[in-house]
Amino acid sequence: MTSNEIIQQIEHIFGRQPQGYMIHLINEALKDMASKKQEYTASYTTALEQYKRWYTLSDQVIDIIKVEIKDTNDRYIMIPKLTNSHKLLREDTDSGADTLT
């Protein structure tokens, strides 16, 4: 739906409105949507598998804020996020040095 279609629908229901007022409403709506999109977070859970070190992530994941593991006392323990992810990929692996790129 284009902005002109939105304006036409509003004018059909509420009558003719000043152009500046309509643009102001559209800008406010866009700002509201942008702030919600930037601040949207979601939580996901997965079952841990024995002897599995790496887990795949959904294509919808943009950023990981924290990772927690539930211990035997039903408490969540946070795993600190590494500041240098390249270091993790290069040094914390089960592959031999000759298979690293």
C-alpha atoms as a PDB file:
ATOM      1  CA  MET A   1       0.000   0.000   0.000  1.00  0.00           C
ATOM      2  CA  THR A   2       1.466   3.353  -1.007  1.00  0.00           C
ATOM      3  CA  SER A   3       1.285   6.577   0.959  1.00  0.00           C
ATOM      4  CA  ASN A   4      -1.150   8.010  -1.623  1.00  0.00           C
ATOM      5  CA  GLU A   5      -3.503   5.057  -1.102  1.00  0.00           C
ATOM      6  CA  ILE A   6      -3.361   5.559   2.661  1.00  0.00           C
ATOM      7  CA  ILE A   7      -4.135   9.269   2.276  1.00  0.00           C
ATOM      8  CA  GLN A   8      -7.023   8.495  -0.082  1.00  0.00           C
ATOM      9  CA  GLN A   9      -8.531   6.016   2.383  1.00  0.00           C
ATOM     10  CA  ILE A  10      -8.234   8.463   5.286  1.00  0.00           C
ATOM     11  CA  GLU A  11      -9.775  11.260   3.208  1.00  0.00           C
ATOM     12  CA  HIS A  12     -12.585   8.922   2.139  1.00  0.00           C
ATOM     13  CA  ILE A  13     -13.428   8.155   5.769  1.00  0.00           C
ATOM     14  CA  PHE A  14     -12.660  11.481   7.499  1.00  0.00           C
ATOM     15  CA  GLY A  15     -12.892  13.977   4.641  1.00  0.00           C
ATOM     16  CA  ARG A  16     -10.216  16.207   3.165  1.00  0.00           C
ATOM     17  CA  GLN A  17      -7.260  16.802   5.496  1.00  0.00           C
ATOM     18  CA  PRO A  18      -4.329  19.253   5.174  1.00  0.00           C
ATOM     19  CA  GLN A  19      -1.357  17.758   3.331  1.00  0.00           C
ATOM     20  CA  GLY A  20       1.136  18.746   6.058  1.00  0.00           C
ATOM     21  CA  TYR A  21      -0.980  17.004   8.689  1.00  0.00           C
ATOM     22  CA  MET A  22      -1.158  13.820   6.603  1.00  0.00           C
ATOM     23  CA  ILE A  23       2.603  13.769   6.016  1.00  0.00           C
ATOM     24  CA  HIS A  24       3.170  14.369   9.734  1.00  0.00           C
ATOM     25  CA  LEU A  25       0.982  11.354  10.584  1.00  0.00           C
ATOM     26  CA  ILE A  26       2.811   9.141   8.096  1.00  0.00           C
ATOM     27  CA  ASN A  27       6.215  10.226   9.443  1.00  0.00           C
ATOM     28  CA  GLU A  28       5.158   9.525  13.026  1.00  0.00           C
ATOM     29  CA  ALA A  29       3.910   6.078  12.021  1.00  0.00           C
ATOM     30  CA  LEU A  30       7.213   5.330  10.250  1.00  0.00           C
ATOM     31  CA  LYS A  31       9.223   6.438  13.297  1.00  0.00           C
ATOM     32  CA  ASP A  32       7.089   4.215  15.531  1.00  0.00           C
ATOM     33  CA  MET A  33       7.565   1.201  13.276  1.00  0.00           C
ATOM     34  CA  ALA A  34      11.322   1.800  12.974  1.00  0.00           C
ATOM     35  CA  SER A  35      11.818   1.983  16.743  1.00  0.00           C
ATOM     36  CA  LYS A  36       9.905  -1.234  17.295  1.00  0.00           C
ATOM     37  CA  LYS A  37      11.861  -2.995  14.553  1.00  0.00           C
ATOM     38  CA  GLN A  38      15.208  -1.905  16.012  1.00  0.00           C
ATOM     39  CA  GLU A  39      14.325  -2.913  19.571  1.00  0.00           C
ATOM     40  CA  TYR A  40      12.623  -6.251  18.759  1.00  0.00           C
ATOM     41  CA  THR A  41      14.129  -9.219  20.581  1.00  0.00           C
ATOM     42  CA  ALA A  42      13.062 -12.820  20.817  1.00  0.00           C
ATOM     43  CA  SER A  43      14.096 -15.744  22.994  1.00  0.00           C
ATOM     44  CA  TYR A  44      14.649 -19.246  21.712  1.00  0.00           C
ATOM     45  CA  THR A  45      15.411 -22.484  23.459  1.00  0.00           C
ATOM     46  CA  THR A  46      17.004 -25.667  22.223  1.00  0.00           C
ATOM     47  CA  ALA A  47      17.863 -28.964  23.846  1.00  0.00           C
ATOM     48  CA  LEU A  48      21.560 -29.630  24.305  1.00  0.00           C
ATOM     49  CA  GLU A  49      22.950 -32.768  22.743  1.00  0.00           C
ATOM     50  CA  GLN A  50      25.752 -34.812  24.215  1.00  0.00           C
ATOM     51  CA  TYR A  51      29.146 -34.275  22.557  1.00  0.00           C
ATOM     52  CA  LYS A  52      27.815 -31.521  20.304  1.00  0.00           C
ATOM     53  CA  ARG A  53      29.778 -28.290  20.388  1.00  0.00           C
ATOM     54  CA  TRP A  54      28.284 -26.236  17.521  1.00  0.00           C
ATOM     55  CA  TYR A  55      24.581 -25.586  16.910  1.00  0.00           C
ATOM     56  CA  THR A  56      23.010 -24.077  13.818  1.00  0.00           C
ATOM     57  CA  LEU A  57      21.106 -20.809  14.056  1.00  0.00           C
ATOM     58  CA  SER A  58      18.035 -19.688  12.188  1.00  0.00           C
ATOM     59  CA  ASP A  59      18.515 -17.340   9.227  1.00  0.00           C
ATOM     60  CA  GLN A  60      16.376 -14.795  11.103  1.00  0.00           C
ATOM     61  CA  VAL A  61      19.020 -14.342  13.816  1.00  0.00           C
ATOM     62  CA  ILE A  62      20.834 -11.033  13.457  1.00  0.00           C
ATOM     63  CA  ASP A  63      22.595 -10.715  16.805  1.00  0.00           C
ATOM     64  CA  ILE A  64      23.028 -12.887  19.884  1.00  0.00           C
ATOM     65  CA  ILE A  65      22.808 -10.962  23.123  1.00  0.00           C
ATOM     66  CA  LYS A  66      23.365 -13.774  25.601  1.00  0.00           C
ATOM     67  CA  VAL A  67      23.444 -17.556  25.874  1.00  0.00           C
ATOM     68  CA  GLU A  68      22.256 -19.353  28.983  1.00  0.00           C
ATOM     69  CA  ILE A  69      22.329 -23.026  29.932  1.00  0.00           C
ATOM     70  CA  LYS A  70      19.977 -24.556  32.486  1.00  0.00           C
ATOM     71  CA  ASP A  71      21.927 -26.493  35.100  1.00  0.00           C
ATOM     72  CA  THR A  72      20.792 -29.483  37.141  1.00  0.00           C
ATOM     73  CA  ASN A  73      19.200 -27.177  39.766  1.00  0.00           C
ATOM     74  CA  ASP A  74      16.885 -25.616  37.143  1.00  0.00           C
ATOM     75  CA  ARG A  75      18.838 -22.364  37.223  1.00  0.00           C
ATOM     76  CA  TYR A  76      20.070 -20.610  34.115  1.00  0.00           C
ATOM     77  CA  ILE A  77      23.800 -19.957  33.918  1.00  0.00           C
ATOM     78  CA  MET A  78      24.882 -17.274  31.476  1.00  0.00           C
ATOM     79  CA  ILE A  79      27.732 -17.959  29.070  1.00  0.00           C
ATOM     80  CA  PRO A  80      29.608 -14.707  28.490  1.00  0.00           C
ATOM     81  CA  LYS A  81      29.707 -13.474  24.931  1.00  0.00           C
ATOM     82  CA  LEU A  82      33.196 -13.526  23.491  1.00  0.00           C
ATOM     83  CA  THR A  83      34.470 -10.186  22.298  1.00  0.00           C
ATOM     84  CA  ASN A  84      36.505 -11.676  19.479  1.00  0.00           C
ATOM     85  CA  SER A  85      34.444 -14.216  17.558  1.00  0.00           C
ATOM     86  CA  HIS A  86      37.272 -14.801  15.057  1.00  0.00           C
ATOM     87  CA  LYS A  87      39.459 -16.050  17.909  1.00  0.00           C
ATOM     88  CA  LEU A  88      36.774 -18.570  18.853  1.00  0.00           C
ATOM     89  CA  LEU A  89      36.540 -19.871  15.293  1.00  0.00           C
ATOM     90  CA  ARG A  90      40.309 -20.132  14.877  1.00  0.00           C
ATOM     91  CA  GLU A  91      41.332 -21.591  18.230  1.00  0.00           C
ATOM     92  CA  ASP A  92      38.322 -23.358  19.787  1.00  0.00           C
ATOM     93  CA  THR A  93      37.663 -26.089  17.290  1.00  0.00           C
ATOM     94  CA  ASP A  94      37.849 -29.845  17.032  1.00  0.00           C
ATOM     95  CA  SER A  95      39.403 -29.638  13.555  1.00  0.00           C
ATOM     96  CA  GLY A  96      43.088 -29.948  12.964  1.00  0.00           C
ATOM     97  CA  ALA A  97      45.175 -26.905  12.103  1.00  0.00           C
ATOM     98  CA  ASP A  98      45.460 -27.989   8.479  1.00  0.00           C
ATOM     99  CA  THR A  99      41.677 -27.772   7.931  1.00  0.00           C
ATOM    100  CA  LEU A 100      41.364 -24.153   9.108  1.00  0.00           C
ATOM    101  CA  THR A 101      41.130 -21.495   6.447  1.00  0.00           C
END
